[in-house]
Amino acid sequence: MTHPIYRVVGFDIVSDYTLRVRFDDASEQVINFHSVLAGELFGPLRDQELFRRVKIDPEVHTLVWPNGADFDPATLHDWPQHAAAFQEMARRWEPVQAG
């Protein structure tokens, strides 16, 4: 089984926690990340200043943040298929952030 390879080629900040992400196959996703921002890695991105410091990593071609948070570009590309699983993980991570 092959895993599709996608590259993030651009993004725009649409609103709080929401990005329009463009891919090398000319597709795009508008993703609101708010519901998955929990836990040690993603929780700090609730800080809008940090969230807005998102960049594209030139080597792995995905979104990255200064605290080391990132998402696989294939996950971003197919976000509607993965969002519920990330939201469930965020619910489990929440006590880690609060603790």
N, C-alpha and C. Protein backbone atom coordinates (compact mmCIF):
# COMPACT_ATOMS: atom_id res chain seq x y z
N MET A 1 0.85 -1.18 0.00
CA MET A 1 0.00 0.00 0.00
C MET A 1 0.89 1.24 0.00
N THR A 2 0.60 2.17 -0.87
CA THR A 2 1.40 3.38 -0.94
C THR A 2 0.70 4.51 -0.21
N HIS A 3 1.48 5.34 0.38
CA HIS A 3 1.00 6.51 1.11
C HIS A 3 1.16 7.70 0.18
N PRO A 4 0.09 8.43 -0.12
CA PRO A 4 0.22 9.57 -1.03
C PRO A 4 1.15 10.63 -0.45
N ILE A 5 1.91 11.22 -1.31
CA ILE A 5 2.83 12.28 -0.91
C ILE A 5 2.27 13.61 -1.40
N TYR A 6 2.03 14.50 -0.48
CA TYR A 6 1.56 15.84 -0.81
C TYR A 6 2.53 16.83 -0.21
N ARG A 7 2.58 17.99 -0.80
CA ARG A 7 3.42 19.07 -0.28
C ARG A 7 2.56 20.31 -0.10
N VAL A 8 2.74 20.96 1.02
CA VAL A 8 2.09 22.24 1.25
C VAL A 8 2.89 23.29 0.48
N VAL A 9 2.21 24.05 -0.38
CA VAL A 9 2.90 25.06 -1.18
C VAL A 9 2.52 26.48 -0.78
N GLY A 10 1.50 26.62 0.06
CA GLY A 10 1.12 27.95 0.50
C GLY A 10 0.00 27.88 1.52
N PHE A 11 -0.22 28.99 2.20
CA PHE A 11 -1.32 29.08 3.16
C PHE A 11 -1.67 30.53 3.38
N ASP A 12 -2.87 30.75 3.85
CA ASP A 12 -3.34 32.06 4.27
C ASP A 12 -4.00 31.90 5.62
N ILE A 13 -3.82 32.88 6.48
CA ILE A 13 -4.55 32.91 7.75
C ILE A 13 -5.91 33.50 7.45
N VAL A 14 -6.95 32.71 7.64
CA VAL A 14 -8.31 33.12 7.31
C VAL A 14 -8.96 33.83 8.49
N SER A 15 -8.79 33.27 9.67
CA SER A 15 -9.32 33.86 10.90
C SER A 15 -8.62 33.15 12.07
N ASP A 16 -9.07 33.43 13.29
CA ASP A 16 -8.46 32.80 14.45
C ASP A 16 -8.44 31.28 14.28
N TYR A 17 -7.25 30.70 14.36
CA TYR A 17 -7.04 29.24 14.30
C TYR A 17 -7.41 28.61 12.96
N THR A 18 -7.71 29.41 11.95
CA THR A 18 -8.15 28.86 10.67
C THR A 18 -7.19 29.27 9.56
N LEU A 19 -6.75 28.25 8.82
CA LEU A 19 -5.84 28.45 7.70
C LEU A 19 -6.43 27.87 6.43
N ARG A 20 -6.18 28.55 5.32
CA ARG A 20 -6.44 27.99 3.99
C ARG A 20 -5.09 27.44 3.54
N VAL A 21 -5.02 26.13 3.33
CA VAL A 21 -3.77 25.46 3.01
C VAL A 21 -3.84 24.98 1.56
N ARG A 22 -2.79 25.34 0.77
CA ARG A 22 -2.73 24.95 -0.64
C ARG A 22 -1.66 23.86 -0.82
N PHE A 23 -1.97 22.93 -1.72
CA PHE A 23 -1.11 21.77 -1.94
C PHE A 23 -0.59 21.72 -3.37
N ASP A 24 0.43 20.91 -3.57
CA ASP A 24 1.07 20.81 -4.88
C ASP A 24 0.22 20.16 -5.95
N ASP A 25 -0.91 19.59 -5.59
CA ASP A 25 -1.82 19.03 -6.59
C ASP A 25 -2.95 20.03 -6.95
N ALA A 26 -2.75 21.29 -6.58
CA ALA A 26 -3.67 22.40 -6.85
C ALA A 26 -4.95 22.35 -6.01
N SER A 27 -4.99 21.49 -5.02
CA SER A 27 -6.15 21.45 -4.12
C SER A 27 -5.88 22.34 -2.91
N GLU A 28 -6.91 22.57 -2.12
CA GLU A 28 -6.74 23.33 -0.88
C GLU A 28 -7.76 22.85 0.14
N GLN A 29 -7.43 23.12 1.39
CA GLN A 29 -8.33 22.84 2.52
C GLN A 29 -8.39 24.09 3.38
N VAL A 30 -9.56 24.41 3.88
CA VAL A 30 -9.71 25.44 4.91
C VAL A 30 -9.91 24.67 6.21
N ILE A 31 -8.95 24.86 7.13
CA ILE A 31 -8.93 24.06 8.35
C ILE A 31 -9.00 24.97 9.56
N ASN A 32 -9.99 24.73 10.43
CA ASN A 32 -10.05 25.39 11.72
C ASN A 32 -9.45 24.42 12.73
N PHE A 33 -8.29 24.77 13.26
CA PHE A 33 -7.53 23.90 14.15
C PHE A 33 -7.97 24.00 15.61
N HIS A 34 -8.85 24.94 15.95
CA HIS A 34 -9.15 25.22 17.36
C HIS A 34 -9.49 23.97 18.16
N SER A 35 -10.31 23.09 17.60
CA SER A 35 -10.76 21.92 18.36
C SER A 35 -9.69 20.87 18.58
N VAL A 36 -8.53 21.01 17.96
CA VAL A 36 -7.46 20.02 18.15
C VAL A 36 -6.27 20.60 18.91
N LEU A 37 -6.38 21.84 19.37
CA LEU A 37 -5.27 22.49 20.06
C LEU A 37 -5.31 22.17 21.54
N ALA A 38 -4.74 21.03 21.88
CA ALA A 38 -4.68 20.56 23.27
C ALA A 38 -3.39 19.78 23.44
N GLY A 39 -3.05 19.54 24.68
CA GLY A 39 -1.86 18.74 24.97
C GLY A 39 -0.59 19.56 24.97
N GLU A 40 0.51 18.89 25.22
CA GLU A 40 1.80 19.57 25.36
C GLU A 40 2.27 20.22 24.07
N LEU A 41 2.04 19.56 22.94
CA LEU A 41 2.56 20.08 21.66
C LEU A 41 1.62 21.08 21.00
N PHE A 42 0.34 20.75 20.91
CA PHE A 42 -0.60 21.60 20.19
C PHE A 42 -1.29 22.62 21.09
N GLY A 43 -1.40 22.37 22.39
CA GLY A 43 -2.04 23.29 23.32
C GLY A 43 -1.48 24.70 23.29
N PRO A 44 -0.14 24.86 23.24
CA PRO A 44 0.41 26.22 23.20
C PRO A 44 -0.05 27.04 21.99
N LEU A 45 -0.52 26.38 20.94
CA LEU A 45 -0.95 27.10 19.74
C LEU A 45 -2.28 27.82 19.96
N ARG A 46 -2.90 27.63 21.12
CA ARG A 46 -4.09 28.43 21.45
C ARG A 46 -3.72 29.89 21.60
N ASP A 47 -2.46 30.17 21.89
CA ASP A 47 -1.95 31.54 21.92
C ASP A 47 -1.92 32.03 20.47
N GLN A 48 -2.78 32.98 20.14
CA GLN A 48 -2.89 33.46 18.76
C GLN A 48 -1.56 33.96 18.20
N GLU A 49 -0.77 34.60 19.04
CA GLU A 49 0.53 35.10 18.56
C GLU A 49 1.40 33.93 18.07
N LEU A 50 1.44 32.86 18.85
CA LEU A 50 2.22 31.69 18.45
C LEU A 50 1.58 31.01 17.24
N PHE A 51 0.26 30.85 17.23
CA PHE A 51 -0.41 30.20 16.11
C PHE A 51 -0.10 30.91 14.80
N ARG A 52 -0.10 32.22 14.83
CA ARG A 52 0.13 33.02 13.61
C ARG A 52 1.58 32.99 13.15
N ARG A 53 2.46 32.39 13.89
CA ARG A 53 3.87 32.28 13.49
C ARG A 53 4.11 31.01 12.67
N VAL A 54 3.06 30.42 12.14
CA VAL A 54 3.15 29.23 11.30
C VAL A 54 3.98 29.53 10.05
N LYS A 55 4.75 28.56 9.62
CA LYS A 55 5.58 28.64 8.42
C LYS A 55 5.47 27.34 7.66
N ILE A 56 5.99 27.33 6.44
CA ILE A 56 6.13 26.09 5.69
C ILE A 56 7.58 25.64 5.82
N ASP A 57 7.78 24.42 6.31
CA ASP A 57 9.13 23.88 6.40
C ASP A 57 9.60 23.55 4.98
N PRO A 58 10.75 24.11 4.55
CA PRO A 58 11.20 23.91 3.17
C PRO A 58 11.69 22.50 2.88
N GLU A 59 11.98 21.72 3.90
CA GLU A 59 12.46 20.36 3.68
C GLU A 59 11.34 19.33 3.64
N VAL A 60 10.38 19.44 4.56
CA VAL A 60 9.31 18.45 4.62
C VAL A 60 7.99 18.96 4.03
N HIS A 61 7.96 20.24 3.63
CA HIS A 61 6.83 20.82 2.91
C HIS A 61 5.51 20.67 3.65
N THR A 62 5.54 21.03 4.93
CA THR A 62 4.32 21.05 5.71
C THR A 62 4.32 22.26 6.62
N LEU A 63 3.21 22.48 7.30
CA LEU A 63 3.10 23.58 8.25
C LEU A 63 3.83 23.23 9.53
N VAL A 64 4.61 24.19 10.04
CA VAL A 64 5.32 24.01 11.29
C VAL A 64 5.21 25.28 12.12
N TRP A 65 5.30 25.11 13.42
CA TRP A 65 5.25 26.23 14.35
C TRP A 65 6.55 26.26 15.15
N PRO A 66 6.90 27.42 15.71
CA PRO A 66 8.17 27.54 16.43
C PRO A 66 8.34 26.58 17.61
N ASN A 67 7.24 26.09 18.18
CA ASN A 67 7.35 25.17 19.33
C ASN A 67 7.55 23.72 18.90
N GLY A 68 7.67 23.46 17.58
CA GLY A 68 7.88 22.11 17.08
C GLY A 68 6.62 21.41 16.62
N ALA A 69 5.47 22.02 16.79
CA ALA A 69 4.21 21.41 16.33
C ALA A 69 4.18 21.38 14.80
N ASP A 70 3.65 20.29 14.26
CA ASP A 70 3.45 20.17 12.82
C ASP A 70 2.41 19.10 12.55
N PHE A 71 1.98 19.04 11.31
CA PHE A 71 1.03 18.02 10.87
C PHE A 71 1.58 17.42 9.58
N ASP A 72 1.39 16.13 9.40
CA ASP A 72 1.77 15.48 8.16
C ASP A 72 1.00 16.14 7.01
N PRO A 73 1.67 16.47 5.90
CA PRO A 73 0.95 17.12 4.81
C PRO A 73 -0.18 16.28 4.23
N ALA A 74 -0.06 14.96 4.26
CA ALA A 74 -1.16 14.10 3.77
C ALA A 74 -2.37 14.22 4.68
N THR A 75 -2.13 14.37 5.99
CA THR A 75 -3.23 14.57 6.93
C THR A 75 -3.93 15.89 6.65
N LEU A 76 -3.16 16.94 6.43
CA LEU A 76 -3.75 18.24 6.11
C LEU A 76 -4.54 18.16 4.81
N HIS A 77 -3.97 17.51 3.82
CA HIS A 77 -4.62 17.38 2.51
C HIS A 77 -5.99 16.71 2.63
N ASP A 78 -6.06 15.69 3.47
CA ASP A 78 -7.30 14.93 3.64
C ASP A 78 -7.95 15.22 5.00
N TRP A 79 -7.85 16.45 5.46
CA TRP A 79 -8.30 16.83 6.80
C TRP A 79 -9.71 16.36 7.15
N PRO A 80 -10.70 16.46 6.27
CA PRO A 80 -12.04 16.01 6.67
C PRO A 80 -12.08 14.54 7.10
N GLN A 81 -11.19 13.74 6.58
CA GLN A 81 -11.14 12.32 6.95
C GLN A 81 -10.43 12.11 8.29
N HIS A 82 -9.63 13.07 8.74
CA HIS A 82 -8.82 12.91 9.95
C HIS A 82 -9.27 13.78 11.12
N ALA A 83 -10.10 14.77 10.87
CA ALA A 83 -10.46 15.75 11.90
C ALA A 83 -11.05 15.10 13.14
N ALA A 84 -11.98 14.18 12.97
CA ALA A 84 -12.63 13.56 14.14
C ALA A 84 -11.62 12.81 15.00
N ALA A 85 -10.67 12.12 14.40
CA ALA A 85 -9.66 11.40 15.18
C ALA A 85 -8.77 12.38 15.95
N PHE A 86 -8.40 13.50 15.33
CA PHE A 86 -7.60 14.50 16.03
C PHE A 86 -8.39 15.14 17.16
N GLN A 87 -9.69 15.37 16.95
CA GLN A 87 -10.51 15.95 18.01
C GLN A 87 -10.61 14.99 19.19
N GLU A 88 -10.73 13.71 18.92
CA GLU A 88 -10.77 12.72 19.99
C GLU A 88 -9.45 12.68 20.75
N MET A 89 -8.35 12.73 20.03
CA MET A 89 -7.04 12.77 20.70
C MET A 89 -6.91 14.02 21.55
N ALA A 90 -7.39 15.14 21.04
CA ALA A 90 -7.31 16.39 21.80
C ALA A 90 -8.09 16.29 23.10
N ARG A 91 -9.24 15.62 23.08
CA ARG A 91 -10.01 15.43 24.33
C ARG A 91 -9.20 14.62 25.34
N ARG A 92 -8.46 13.62 24.86
CA ARG A 92 -7.63 12.82 25.77
C ARG A 92 -6.40 13.60 26.24
N TRP A 93 -5.87 14.49 25.39
CA TRP A 93 -4.69 15.26 25.75
C TRP A 93 -5.01 16.38 26.72
N GLU A 94 -6.24 16.84 26.74
CA GLU A 94 -6.61 18.01 27.54
C GLU A 94 -6.15 17.91 28.99
N PRO A 95 -6.35 16.78 29.69
CA PRO A 95 -5.86 16.70 31.07
C PRO A 95 -4.34 16.87 31.17
N VAL A 96 -3.60 16.47 30.14
CA VAL A 96 -2.15 16.62 30.14
C VAL A 96 -1.81 18.11 30.17
N GLN A 97 -2.54 18.92 29.40
CA GLN A 97 -2.27 20.35 29.35
C GLN A 97 -2.63 20.99 30.69
N ALA A 98 -3.78 20.61 31.25
CA ALA A 98 -4.25 21.23 32.48
C ALA A 98 -3.43 20.78 33.69
N GLY A 99 -2.81 19.62 33.60
CA GLY A 99 -2.09 19.06 34.74
C GLY A 99 -0.76 19.54 34.85
